[in-house]
Protein backbone atom coordinates (compact mmCIF):
# COMPACT_ATOMS: atom_id res chain seq x y z
CA MET A 1 0.00 0.00 0.00
CA LYS A 2 2.26 -0.46 -1.32
CA CYS A 3 1.22 1.82 0.91
CA SER A 4 1.93 4.49 4.08
CA LEU A 5 2.95 4.10 6.99
CA LEU A 6 2.60 4.53 3.49
CA VAL A 7 0.94 1.54 3.08
CA ARG A 8 -1.69 2.80 4.63
CA ARG A 9 -2.64 2.75 8.16
CA ALA A 10 -6.26 2.44 9.04
CA ALA A 11 -8.20 4.64 11.40
CA PRO A 12 -7.83 3.65 15.05
CA LEU A 13 -10.11 0.90 16.34
CA VAL A 14 -10.93 -0.44 12.87
CA ALA A 15 -11.05 -4.22 12.99
CA LEU A 16 -8.24 -5.96 11.14
CA THR A 17 -10.65 -8.18 9.21
CA VAL A 18 -12.24 -5.09 7.69
CA VAL A 19 -8.95 -3.28 7.18
CA ALA A 20 -7.52 -6.28 5.38
CA ALA A 21 -10.13 -5.96 2.66
CA THR A 22 -9.60 -2.26 2.17
CA ILE A 23 -6.03 -1.26 3.07
CA ALA A 24 -4.29 1.00 0.67
CA ALA A 25 -1.54 0.84 -1.89
CA CYS A 26 1.56 0.75 -0.83
CA GLY A 27 2.48 0.38 -4.24
CA GLY A 28 6.47 2.84 -14.26
CA GLY A 29 9.40 1.31 -15.40
CA ALA A 30 8.08 -1.58 -17.43
CA ASP A 31 6.57 -1.63 -20.87
CA GLY A 32 3.28 -3.46 -20.57
CA SER A 33 3.56 -4.86 -24.09
CA ALA A 34 6.87 -6.57 -23.46
CA PRO A 35 9.13 -7.43 -20.55
CA ALA A 36 11.18 -4.40 -19.60
CA GLY A 37 14.22 -3.78 -17.49
CA ALA A 38 15.72 -7.14 -18.36
CA ALA A 39 19.14 -7.29 -16.72
CA GLY A 40 21.34 -9.51 -18.86
CA GLY A 41 20.64 -13.19 -18.56
CA PRO A 42 21.11 -16.01 -21.07
CA ALA A 43 20.35 -15.53 -24.75
CA LEU A 44 16.88 -16.78 -25.62
CA SER A 45 16.50 -19.38 -28.33
CA PRO A 46 13.24 -19.37 -30.30
CA ALA A 47 10.39 -21.26 -28.66
CA LYS A 48 6.74 -21.81 -29.52
CA PRO A 49 4.00 -21.58 -26.92
CA VAL A 50 3.14 -24.95 -25.39
CA ARG A 51 -0.32 -25.43 -23.96
CA GLY A 52 -0.81 -27.01 -20.56
CA GLY A 53 1.35 -27.51 -17.50
CA THR A 54 1.77 -25.64 -14.23
CA ILE A 55 3.67 -22.45 -13.45
CA GLU A 56 5.34 -22.54 -10.03
CA TYR A 57 5.87 -18.97 -8.81
CA GLY A 58 7.66 -17.96 -5.60
CA HIS A 59 6.33 -14.72 -4.13
CA GLN A 60 7.63 -12.78 -1.15
CA GLN A 61 4.65 -12.32 1.18
CA GLU A 62 1.10 -13.43 1.78
CA PRO A 63 -1.61 -10.75 1.92
CA PRO A 64 -4.54 -10.97 4.35
CA CYS A 65 -6.98 -10.98 1.40
CA ILE A 66 -6.70 -11.88 -2.26
CA SER A 67 -8.59 -8.74 -3.29
CA GLY A 68 -8.34 -5.31 -1.74
CA GLY A 69 -6.36 -2.10 -1.67
CA TRP A 70 -2.79 -3.15 -0.85
CA VAL A 71 -0.39 -3.53 -3.74
CA GLU A 72 0.37 -7.11 -2.63
CA GLN A 73 -3.33 -7.82 -3.13
CA ALA A 74 -3.30 -6.09 -6.51
CA TYR A 75 -0.45 -8.37 -7.61
CA ILE A 76 -2.40 -11.51 -6.91
CA SER A 77 -5.86 -10.28 -7.86
CA ARG A 78 -4.59 -9.19 -11.29
CA GLN A 79 -4.69 -12.88 -12.19
CA VAL A 80 -8.45 -12.99 -11.46
CA PHE A 81 -9.77 -9.59 -12.55
CA ASP A 82 -9.97 -7.45 -15.66
CA SER A 83 -9.99 -3.64 -15.52
CA LEU A 84 -11.49 -0.97 -17.73
CA VAL A 85 -8.14 0.09 -19.21
CA SER A 86 -4.47 -0.84 -19.17
CA GLN A 87 -1.33 1.29 -19.27
CA VAL A 88 1.87 0.87 -21.26
CA LYS A 89 5.28 2.48 -21.09
CA GLY A 90 5.17 6.26 -21.23
CA GLY A 91 1.75 6.41 -19.60
CA LYS A 92 -0.26 5.63 -22.72
CA ILE A 93 -3.67 4.13 -21.92
CA VAL A 94 -4.90 1.24 -24.06
CA PRO A 95 -8.21 -0.65 -24.17
CA TRP A 96 -9.10 -3.53 -21.91
CA LEU A 97 -12.73 -4.05 -20.91
CA ALA A 98 -13.37 -0.61 -22.38
CA THR A 99 -12.80 -0.52 -26.14
CA SER A 100 -13.01 3.27 -26.26
CA TRP A 101 -13.81 6.26 -24.05
CA LYS A 102 -14.44 9.97 -24.28
CA ALA A 103 -14.74 12.87 -21.87
CA SER A 104 -17.03 15.85 -22.01
CA LYS A 105 -15.49 19.28 -22.64
CA ASP A 106 -15.64 20.09 -18.93
CA GLN A 107 -14.00 16.71 -18.13
CA LEU A 108 -16.79 15.86 -15.71
CA THR A 109 -18.54 13.12 -17.70
CA TRP A 110 -16.65 10.08 -18.96
CA THR A 111 -18.34 7.55 -21.26
CA PHE A 112 -16.81 4.10 -21.78
CA LYS A 113 -17.84 1.65 -24.53
CA LEU A 114 -17.37 -1.94 -23.36
CA LYS A 115 -16.48 -5.23 -25.00
CA PRO A 116 -19.63 -7.25 -25.64
CA ASN A 117 -20.16 -10.82 -24.48
CA VAL A 118 -17.72 -10.77 -21.58
CA LYS A 119 -18.69 -12.98 -18.66
CA PHE A 120 -17.43 -13.51 -15.15
CA SER A 121 -16.18 -16.98 -14.29
CA ASP A 122 -19.52 -17.62 -12.53
CA GLY A 123 -21.29 -17.20 -15.88
CA THR A 124 -22.91 -13.82 -15.14
CA PRO A 125 -22.48 -10.94 -17.61
CA LEU A 126 -19.78 -8.32 -17.22
CA ASP A 127 -21.76 -5.37 -18.52
CA ALA A 128 -22.13 -1.69 -17.70
CA ALA A 129 -24.49 -2.51 -14.82
CA ALA A 130 -21.80 -4.72 -13.26
CA ILE A 131 -19.22 -1.93 -13.44
CA LYS A 132 -21.69 0.50 -11.90
CA THR A 133 -22.23 -2.00 -9.06
CA ASN A 134 -18.48 -2.16 -8.47
CA PHE A 135 -18.07 1.61 -8.12
CA GLU A 136 -20.99 1.77 -5.72
CA TYR A 137 -19.58 -1.15 -3.73
CA TRP A 138 -16.06 0.29 -3.54
CA LEU A 139 -17.30 3.65 -2.29
CA ASN A 140 -20.00 2.38 0.08
CA PRO A 141 -18.87 3.15 3.68
CA LYS A 142 -19.92 -0.38 4.72
CA THR A 143 -17.80 -2.11 2.07
CA LEU A 144 -15.28 0.65 1.37
CA ASN A 145 -12.17 -0.09 -0.65
CA SER A 146 -10.11 2.69 0.89
CA THR A 147 -7.58 2.79 -1.95
CA VAL A 148 -10.29 3.32 -4.57
CA ALA A 149 -11.72 6.00 -2.29
CA ASP A 150 -8.27 7.60 -1.97
CA TYR A 151 -8.02 7.88 -5.75
CA VAL A 152 -11.55 8.85 -6.79
CA GLY A 153 -13.61 9.36 -3.63
CA GLU A 154 -13.37 13.16 -3.65
CA TYR A 155 -14.01 13.31 -7.38
CA TYR A 156 -16.77 10.70 -7.84
CA GLU A 157 -20.29 12.02 -8.36
CA SER A 158 -22.22 9.07 -9.81
CA SER A 159 -22.17 6.27 -12.36
CA ALA A 160 -24.72 4.86 -14.76
CA ALA A 161 -25.29 2.00 -17.18
CA LEU A 162 -26.67 3.73 -20.29
CA ASP A 163 -27.03 0.32 -21.94
CA ALA A 164 -25.33 -3.07 -21.65
CA THR A 165 -22.10 -1.86 -23.27
CA THR A 166 -22.05 1.82 -22.27
CA PHE A 167 -20.83 2.87 -18.83
CA GLN A 168 -20.87 6.49 -17.73
CA LEU A 169 -18.87 8.01 -14.88
CA LYS A 170 -19.62 11.52 -13.60
CA LEU A 171 -17.13 13.56 -11.56
CA LYS A 172 -17.58 16.49 -9.19
CA LYS A 173 -14.43 18.17 -10.51
CA PRO A 174 -11.90 17.44 -13.27
CA TYR A 175 -9.38 14.70 -12.51
CA SER A 176 -6.66 14.38 -15.12
CA PRO A 177 -5.04 11.19 -13.68
CA LEU A 178 -8.36 9.28 -13.91
CA LEU A 179 -7.45 6.79 -16.67
CA SER A 180 -4.07 5.94 -15.14
CA ALA A 181 -5.77 5.38 -11.79
CA LEU A 182 -8.32 3.05 -13.40
CA SER A 183 -5.51 0.98 -14.95
CA GLN A 184 -4.38 -0.22 -11.51
CA GLY A 185 -5.32 -3.56 -10.02
CA TYR A 186 -7.41 -1.97 -7.27
CA PHE A 187 -10.03 -1.24 -9.93
CA GLY A 188 -10.37 -4.86 -11.09
CA ILE A 189 -14.05 -5.64 -11.76
CA HIS A 190 -15.79 -8.13 -9.44
CA SER A 191 -18.86 -10.21 -10.19
CA PRO A 192 -21.86 -8.48 -8.54
CA ALA A 193 -23.13 -11.93 -7.57
CA GLY A 194 -19.82 -12.53 -5.83
CA LEU A 195 -19.99 -9.21 -4.01
CA LYS A 196 -23.40 -10.12 -2.61
CA ARG A 197 -21.78 -12.98 -0.68
CA GLY A 198 -20.16 -10.46 1.68
CA VAL A 199 -16.73 -9.00 2.43
CA ASP A 200 -15.34 -12.13 4.10
CA LYS A 201 -16.10 -14.39 1.12
CA GLU A 202 -14.85 -11.84 -1.37
CA CYS A 203 -11.64 -11.61 0.65
CA VAL A 204 -10.70 -15.25 0.15
CA ASP A 205 -12.49 -16.26 -3.07
CA PRO A 206 -13.20 -13.26 -5.31
CA ILE A 207 -14.90 -13.82 -8.65
CA GLY A 208 -13.66 -11.96 -11.71
CA SER A 209 -13.52 -12.36 -15.48
CA GLY A 210 -9.75 -12.81 -15.69
CA ALA A 211 -7.53 -15.48 -17.18
CA PHE A 212 -7.42 -17.54 -13.98
CA VAL A 213 -9.89 -18.77 -11.39
CA ILE A 214 -9.00 -19.49 -7.77
CA GLN A 215 -9.07 -23.20 -7.03
CA LYS A 216 -7.73 -23.20 -3.48
CA TRP A 217 -5.99 -20.95 -0.97
CA SER A 218 -3.82 -22.97 1.40
CA ARG A 219 -3.06 -20.39 4.08
CA GLY A 220 0.62 -19.95 4.76
CA GLN A 221 1.57 -21.96 1.69
CA ASN A 222 0.09 -20.96 -1.66
CA VAL A 223 -2.87 -20.03 -3.82
CA THR A 224 -3.63 -22.39 -6.69
CA PHE A 225 -5.24 -20.90 -9.79
CA VAL A 226 -6.70 -22.84 -12.70
CA ARG A 227 -7.11 -21.64 -16.26
CA ASN A 228 -10.35 -19.90 -17.20
CA PRO A 229 -11.15 -21.70 -20.47
CA ASN A 230 -13.69 -19.07 -21.50
CA TYR A 231 -11.40 -16.06 -21.11
CA ASN A 232 -12.02 -13.62 -23.97
CA SER A 233 -11.10 -10.19 -22.60
CA PRO A 234 -7.32 -9.63 -22.44
CA PRO A 235 -6.02 -6.04 -22.57
CA ALA A 236 -4.77 -4.63 -25.86
CA ASN A 237 -1.18 -4.90 -24.61
CA ALA A 238 -1.40 -8.62 -23.90
CA LYS A 239 1.00 -10.85 -25.80
CA HIS A 240 -1.85 -12.94 -27.15
CA GLN A 241 -5.64 -12.75 -27.24
CA GLY A 242 -7.36 -15.72 -25.67
CA PRO A 243 -7.26 -18.03 -22.64
CA ALA A 244 -4.03 -18.62 -20.75
CA TYR A 245 -1.66 -21.24 -22.15
CA VAL A 246 -1.03 -23.05 -18.87
CA ASP A 247 -3.50 -25.18 -16.91
CA LYS A 248 -2.45 -23.99 -13.46
CA LEU A 249 -0.58 -21.27 -11.63
CA VAL A 250 0.69 -22.04 -8.13
CA TRP A 251 1.44 -18.77 -6.29
CA LYS A 252 3.71 -19.80 -3.42
CA PHE A 253 4.49 -17.68 -0.37
CA LEU A 254 8.23 -17.89 0.29
CA LYS A 255 9.05 -15.14 2.75
CA GLU A 256 12.71 -15.96 3.38
CA PRO A 257 14.93 -14.61 0.57
CA ALA A 258 17.30 -17.58 0.62
CA VAL A 259 14.42 -20.05 0.43
CA ARG A 260 12.77 -18.11 -2.40
CA TYR A 261 15.93 -17.89 -4.50
CA GLY A 262 16.78 -21.48 -3.66
CA SER A 263 13.43 -22.61 -5.06
CA LEU A 264 14.49 -21.10 -8.39
CA THR A 265 17.98 -22.59 -8.48
CA SER A 266 16.67 -26.01 -7.45
CA GLY A 267 13.92 -26.00 -10.08
CA GLN A 268 11.05 -25.95 -7.60
CA SER A 269 9.98 -22.61 -9.10
CA GLN A 270 10.36 -21.37 -12.65
CA VAL A 271 10.02 -17.74 -11.58
CA ILE A 272 10.41 -15.80 -8.33
CA TYR A 273 9.68 -12.28 -7.10
CA ASP A 274 12.05 -9.87 -5.29
CA VAL A 275 15.51 -11.12 -6.18
CA PRO A 276 17.63 -10.92 -2.98
CA SER A 277 20.41 -8.37 -3.17
CA VAL A 278 23.08 -10.97 -2.34
CA ASP A 279 21.97 -13.01 -5.36
CA TRP A 280 21.38 -10.14 -7.77
CA ASP A 281 24.59 -10.44 -9.79
CA GLU A 282 24.30 -14.21 -10.14
CA ALA A 283 20.61 -14.06 -11.03
CA SER A 284 21.27 -11.43 -13.69
CA LYS A 285 23.69 -13.79 -15.43
CA LYS A 286 21.79 -17.07 -15.07
CA TYR A 287 18.19 -15.92 -15.51
CA GLN A 288 16.07 -13.34 -17.20
CA VAL A 289 15.65 -10.59 -14.60
CA LEU A 290 12.86 -8.06 -15.03
CA ARG A 291 13.23 -4.93 -12.94
CA TYR A 292 10.46 -2.36 -12.39
CA LEU A 293 11.05 0.99 -10.69
CA THR A 294 7.71 1.60 -9.03
CA PRO A 295 6.21 5.03 -9.70
CA GLY A 296 4.39 7.01 -7.04
CA ARG A 297 5.91 7.82 -3.68
CA PRO A 298 9.28 6.12 -3.12
CA GLN A 299 10.34 4.55 0.16
CA THR A 300 10.67 7.61 2.35
CA LEU A 301 11.12 8.35 6.00
CA SER A 302 8.09 10.43 7.04
CA LEU A 303 8.74 12.70 10.01
CA ASN A 304 5.86 13.41 12.39
CA VAL A 305 5.69 17.20 12.56
CA THR A 306 3.27 17.23 15.51
CA ARG A 307 5.75 15.82 18.04
CA ALA A 308 9.21 16.71 19.25
CA PRO A 309 11.83 16.54 17.97
CA PHE A 310 10.50 16.76 14.40
CA ASP A 311 8.08 19.59 15.09
CA ASP A 312 11.16 21.77 14.39
CA VAL A 313 12.05 22.09 10.70
CA LYS A 314 15.73 22.57 11.58
CA VAL A 315 15.80 19.16 13.28
CA ARG A 316 14.10 17.55 10.29
CA GLN A 317 16.62 19.11 7.92
CA ALA A 318 19.46 18.09 10.21
CA LEU A 319 18.43 14.45 10.04
CA ALA A 320 18.28 14.62 6.24
CA TYR A 321 21.84 15.99 6.12
CA ALA A 322 23.06 13.49 8.74
CA LEU A 323 22.26 10.43 6.62
CA ASP A 324 24.53 9.17 3.86
CA ARG A 325 21.51 7.67 2.15
CA LYS A 326 23.00 7.09 -1.28
CA ASN A 327 25.86 4.89 -0.05
CA ALA A 328 23.64 3.20 2.53
CA VAL A 329 21.18 2.16 -0.20
CA LYS A 330 24.01 0.90 -2.40
CA SER A 331 25.42 -1.13 0.49
CA ALA A 332 22.09 -2.62 1.55
CA PHE A 333 20.64 -3.40 -1.89
CA GLY A 334 23.49 -3.64 -4.34
CA GLY A 335 21.81 -3.35 -7.74
CA ALA A 336 18.41 -4.48 -6.50
CA ALA A 337 17.15 -0.96 -5.70
CA GLU A 338 18.08 2.62 -6.56
CA TYR A 339 18.61 5.61 -4.32
CA ASN A 340 15.79 8.15 -4.53
CA GLY A 341 16.73 11.38 -2.77
CA ASN A 342 13.51 13.21 -3.67
CA GLY A 343 11.11 12.17 -0.90
CA SER A 344 8.01 13.30 -2.79
CA LEU A 345 8.00 11.16 -5.93
CA SER A 346 9.77 8.15 -7.33
CA GLN A 347 12.14 8.88 -10.19
CA SER A 348 9.94 6.79 -12.53
CA THR A 349 6.87 8.97 -11.91
CA PRO A 350 5.81 11.50 -14.57
CA ASP A 351 6.53 15.09 -13.47
CA TYR A 352 9.20 13.99 -10.98
CA ASP A 353 11.60 16.85 -10.18
CA PRO A 354 15.17 15.47 -10.43
CA ALA A 355 16.68 18.66 -8.99
CA LEU A 356 15.36 17.76 -5.54
CA ALA A 357 17.29 14.48 -5.48
CA ASP A 358 20.32 16.41 -4.19
CA ALA A 359 18.48 18.80 -1.88
CA TYR A 360 20.04 17.21 1.21
CA THR A 361 23.33 15.60 0.26
CA TYR A 362 25.30 13.98 3.06
CA ASN A 363 26.75 16.76 5.22
CA PRO A 364 27.16 15.90 8.93
CA ASP A 365 28.73 19.29 9.63
CA LYS A 366 25.66 21.05 8.28
CA ALA A 367 23.49 18.71 10.35
CA GLY A 368 25.43 19.68 13.47
CA GLN A 369 25.06 23.39 12.74
CA LEU A 370 21.30 23.04 12.35
CA LEU A 371 21.02 21.13 15.61
CA ASP A 372 23.06 23.76 17.38
CA ALA A 373 20.76 26.44 16.00
CA ALA A 374 17.76 24.45 17.22
CA GLY A 375 19.17 24.35 20.77
CA TRP A 376 20.44 20.75 20.81
CA THR A 377 23.92 21.82 21.86
CA LYS A 378 24.86 19.38 24.61
CA LYS A 379 25.57 15.64 24.53
CA ASN A 380 25.07 12.92 27.12
CA GLY A 381 27.46 10.10 27.92
CA ASP A 382 26.24 8.09 24.94
CA GLY A 383 26.96 10.88 22.50
CA ILE A 384 23.28 11.74 22.06
CA ARG A 385 22.43 15.42 21.90
CA THR A 386 20.24 16.90 24.61
CA LYS A 387 18.07 19.96 25.11
CA ASP A 388 16.63 21.01 28.46
CA GLY A 389 17.86 17.69 29.83
CA LYS A 390 15.96 15.60 27.24
CA PRO A 391 17.76 13.39 24.68
CA LEU A 392 17.30 13.82 20.93
CA LYS A 393 15.36 10.58 20.58
CA ALA A 394 12.80 9.41 18.03
CA LEU A 395 10.78 6.20 17.67
CA VAL A 396 10.86 4.84 14.11
CA ILE A 397 8.19 2.21 13.43
CA TYR A 398 8.17 0.01 10.32
CA GLY A 399 6.36 -2.97 8.87
CA ALA A 400 8.93 -5.75 9.04
CA GLY A 401 8.57 -8.21 6.16
CA SER A 402 5.71 -6.25 4.64
CA ILE A 403 6.60 -2.62 3.92
CA ILE A 404 10.28 -3.18 4.64
CA ASN A 405 12.01 -6.36 3.46
CA ALA A 406 15.23 -7.80 4.87
CA ASP A 407 17.44 -5.50 2.79
CA GLY A 408 15.33 -2.51 3.83
CA ALA A 409 15.78 -3.44 7.50
CA THR A 410 19.55 -3.50 6.95
CA LEU A 411 19.31 -0.02 5.46
CA LEU A 412 17.41 1.30 8.47
CA GLN A 413 20.04 -0.10 10.81
CA THR A 414 22.77 1.63 8.80
CA LEU A 415 20.89 4.93 8.92
CA GLN A 416 20.41 4.48 12.66
CA GLU A 417 24.19 4.30 13.10
CA GLN A 418 24.80 7.29 10.84
CA ALA A 419 22.27 9.40 12.74
CA LYS A 420 23.95 8.50 16.02
CA GLN A 421 27.23 10.00 14.80
CA VAL A 422 25.52 13.40 14.69
CA GLY A 423 23.71 12.91 17.99
CA PHE A 424 20.34 11.38 17.06
CA ASP A 425 18.99 8.36 18.96
CA LEU A 426 16.69 6.58 16.49
CA GLU A 427 14.85 3.65 18.08
CA LEU A 428 13.78 1.11 15.45
CA LYS A 429 10.59 -0.78 16.21
CA PRO A 430 9.51 -3.54 13.77
CA LEU A 431 5.76 -4.14 13.55
CA THR A 432 3.83 -7.24 12.57
CA LEU A 433 1.20 -7.06 9.86
CA THR A 434 -1.51 -7.10 12.52
CA GLN A 435 0.07 -4.20 14.38
CA LEU A 436 0.68 -2.32 11.15
CA PHE A 437 -2.85 -2.54 9.78
CA GLY A 438 -4.71 -2.78 13.06
CA GLY A 439 -4.68 0.95 13.77
CA GLN A 440 -2.70 1.02 17.02
CA TYR A 441 0.13 2.99 15.37
CA SER A 442 -1.96 5.41 13.34
CA THR A 443 -2.22 8.47 15.58
CA PRO A 444 0.27 11.33 16.08
CA ASP A 445 1.19 10.22 19.60
CA THR A 446 2.38 6.74 18.60
CA TYR A 447 5.65 7.44 16.71
CA GLN A 448 8.03 10.11 15.51
CA ALA A 449 9.00 8.66 12.13
CA THR A 450 8.02 5.84 9.79
CA PRO A 451 9.15 4.61 6.36
CA GLY A 452 6.57 3.92 3.69
CA TYR A 453 5.69 4.17 0.02
CA TRP A 454 2.67 4.41 -2.25
CA THR A 455 2.52 2.89 -5.73
CA SER A 456 0.81 5.10 -8.30
CA PRO A 457 1.39 5.73 -12.01
CA THR A 458 1.02 9.53 -11.75
CA ALA A 459 2.12 12.47 -9.63
CA GLY A 460 -1.52 12.72 -8.58
CA VAL A 461 -0.47 10.46 -5.70
CA LEU A 462 0.73 13.63 -3.97
CA TYR A 463 -2.88 14.52 -3.21
CA ILE A 464 -3.48 11.13 -1.60
CA VAL A 465 -0.41 11.40 0.60
CA TRP A 466 -0.35 15.12 1.45
CA ARG A 467 -4.00 16.15 1.63
CA GLN A 468 -4.48 17.64 5.08
CA ASN A 469 -5.42 15.36 7.96
CA LEU A 470 -8.25 17.32 9.52
CA LYS A 471 -10.71 16.36 12.25
CA ASP A 472 -13.73 16.60 9.96
CA ARG A 473 -11.81 15.27 6.94
CA PRO A 474 -9.17 12.80 8.10
CA ASN A 475 -6.41 11.53 5.86
CA TYR A 476 -4.69 8.49 7.35
CA ASN A 477 -2.21 8.41 4.46
CA ASN A 478 -0.61 11.65 5.69
CA SER A 479 1.81 9.84 7.96
CA ALA A 480 3.80 13.02 8.69
CA PHE A 481 0.58 14.73 9.92
CA TYR A 482 1.75 17.72 7.93
CA ASN A 483 -1.14 20.10 7.23
CA ASN A 484 -0.38 22.77 4.66
CA PRO A 485 -3.37 24.39 2.89
CA GLU A 486 -1.13 25.86 0.18
CA LEU A 487 0.35 22.45 -0.59
CA GLU A 488 -3.07 20.83 -0.80
CA LYS A 489 -4.43 23.53 -3.13
CA THR A 490 -1.35 23.29 -5.35
CA ILE A 491 -1.69 19.54 -5.80
CA GLU A 492 -5.44 19.76 -6.31
CA ALA A 493 -4.91 22.35 -9.04
CA ALA A 494 -2.33 20.10 -10.71
CA ASN A 495 -4.75 17.18 -10.67
CA SER A 496 -7.45 19.24 -12.35
CA THR A 497 -5.60 21.07 -15.11
CA LEU A 498 -5.33 19.59 -18.60
CA ASP A 499 -2.39 21.81 -19.59
CA PRO A 500 0.73 19.60 -19.31
CA ALA A 501 3.07 22.55 -18.76
CA GLU A 502 0.90 24.04 -16.04
CA GLN A 503 0.46 20.65 -14.44
CA LYS A 504 4.21 20.02 -14.36
CA ALA A 505 4.88 23.44 -12.84
CA LEU A 506 2.31 22.84 -10.11
CA TYR A 507 3.62 19.36 -9.29
CA PHE A 508 7.16 20.79 -9.16
CA LYS A 509 5.97 23.50 -6.78
CA ALA A 510 4.38 20.90 -4.52
CA GLN A 511 7.55 18.79 -4.44
CA LYS A 512 9.60 21.88 -3.56
CA ILE A 513 7.36 22.65 -0.56
CA ILE A 514 7.68 19.08 0.71
CA SER A 515 11.45 19.15 0.24
CA ASP A 516 11.98 22.54 1.86
CA GLU A 517 9.96 21.46 4.88
CA ALA A 518 11.91 18.15 5.09
CA VAL A 519 8.79 16.24 6.07
CA ALA A 520 9.73 13.22 3.95
CA ILE A 521 13.33 12.05 3.56
CA GLY A 522 13.80 10.08 0.34
CA LEU A 523 15.46 6.67 0.63
CA TYR A 524 15.03 4.41 -2.41
CA THR A 525 12.72 3.61 -5.27
CA ARG A 526 10.58 0.63 -4.44
CA THR A 527 11.58 -2.00 -6.96
CA SER A 528 9.73 -5.03 -8.22
CA SER A 529 11.89 -7.73 -9.76
CA LEU A 530 11.33 -11.15 -11.26
CA ALA A 531 13.94 -13.80 -12.01
CA ILE A 532 12.70 -16.21 -14.69
CA ASP A 533 14.26 -19.50 -15.75
CA THR A 534 13.67 -19.03 -19.47
CA SER A 535 14.84 -22.56 -20.22
CA LYS A 536 11.49 -23.57 -18.72
CA LEU A 537 9.17 -20.53 -18.92
CA ARG A 538 8.64 -17.62 -21.32
CA ASP A 539 6.57 -14.46 -21.69
CA VAL A 540 6.00 -13.48 -18.09
CA TRP A 541 5.82 -9.69 -17.94
CA LEU A 542 5.36 -6.80 -15.51
CA GLU A 543 2.48 -4.44 -16.21
CA ASP A 544 3.24 -0.74 -16.30
CA SER A 545 0.99 1.03 -13.78
CA GLN A 546 2.26 -0.72 -10.65
CA GLY A 547 4.47 -3.64 -11.65
CA GLU A 548 2.11 -6.57 -11.24
CA PRO A 549 3.45 -9.87 -12.63
CA VAL A 550 1.27 -11.11 -15.50
CA PHE A 551 1.03 -14.85 -16.20
CA SER A 552 -1.88 -15.01 -18.66
CA ASP A 553 0.55 -14.91 -21.62
CA ALA A 554 3.23 -17.16 -20.09
CA TYR A 555 3.94 -20.63 -21.44
CA LEU A 556 6.20 -23.51 -20.55
CA VAL A 557 9.04 -24.46 -22.88
CA LYS A 558 8.99 -27.98 -24.24
CA GLN A 559 11.87 -29.90 -22.67
């Protein structure tokens, strides 16, 4: 979600079972029409698609639900659902369930023409009425998909089925990132009959119109998908039009990096996700490695501006200067992730401002000067700065094994040591998935800093992350609790304008405010990677809007 904490933390006291179905993205570098970012690997000999067989895929972590608003759920639900549109490299939108679309002159009414004769795997029609039902379901407070609400909730006015193949969406105000938002997995279309079964059933066994159907979820082990023989609605950027080639897809949950990579080298998996940094060089030589730099908000360290010590901008800036982030990222990840100094947007996001990447280069002397100016002039016996007898201490919470993987935890430990050299005492507190999404660490009094990210194909994500968190209009994605009316208005204006130059200038202005205030310290670009044994499997690809692995075109190589 893929998400803030920036996955996203739910409101306090929300039950985990409900949060699990609605938690947000945490969550482009790849060309949707072909694998992108391939890092070396063996030369590929020609091969023809072979029908049948089973793909064994090793994934990193198991989500609480198969469908929902966390990017890990989008990855897996992509195999089950179709969306209105798809996105390819460069941000171009191509048809999927919608064959065409048009907007009114005021950009408030969008009309989508749909493919005829598409059915869900339960045999019911996927028509305009079904899509209308989905929007109403997603935005119903009782069944809310919070990520969908984060993207379109403030813009959505109503929807209508004009006829079986014509869906109309009305907005309250113009929203230029609309089509890119709709291309994400969170907007996969569910069977209305399936939705009627209730949130709990839809969590574990959602019904879509996609290339695969869920056969069984063995908790803690895997999800087994079987081929949908009637599949007739691939996106325009698919590698072939028709049902999947393989009979089954086994999506295995292999949390430990060594176990996951070992399943590839031993032949127990033909493809794995999240290549461990220690194995990156070897994997790049032996296998086809696809690497996707996730757009949206990168992994950043959000600083809680409502609590000491980060209620002082000088202290926030001092921490940014105190951390040698570039070398720490290189050490922790090798080539598996890239440094992203701009804490507002990932370098792969349209309208990213590269000038801000070097806004706070490593400068411990400058950090010391800022702390002196802020009154943190003394040090205790442990070398930690003090002010009025209180140490310069901050609690840093993070989702261990969910938002932050093993390499990310190593990075945080390195940054902890670097901060100590300047006089900061950063206490690292790993959180379980239950703690992370359960709401107990979602209020301003529960932490001083937290790393997180948010996958999104446009700079419009800034509005999701930095809209003010107000009592009558809460925003639980604003993990820095930074309320700036000017920033909110700037981003909102950027989201509404259709002038590319004006939009870029406004997004740049917003990033500059965030950088100057040092409310989010950039760490690294969240990276999705696949290592594929192409002697056994071909044509797996990563879609462009958020890096979901796509298996509907993949086929096994005849041995």
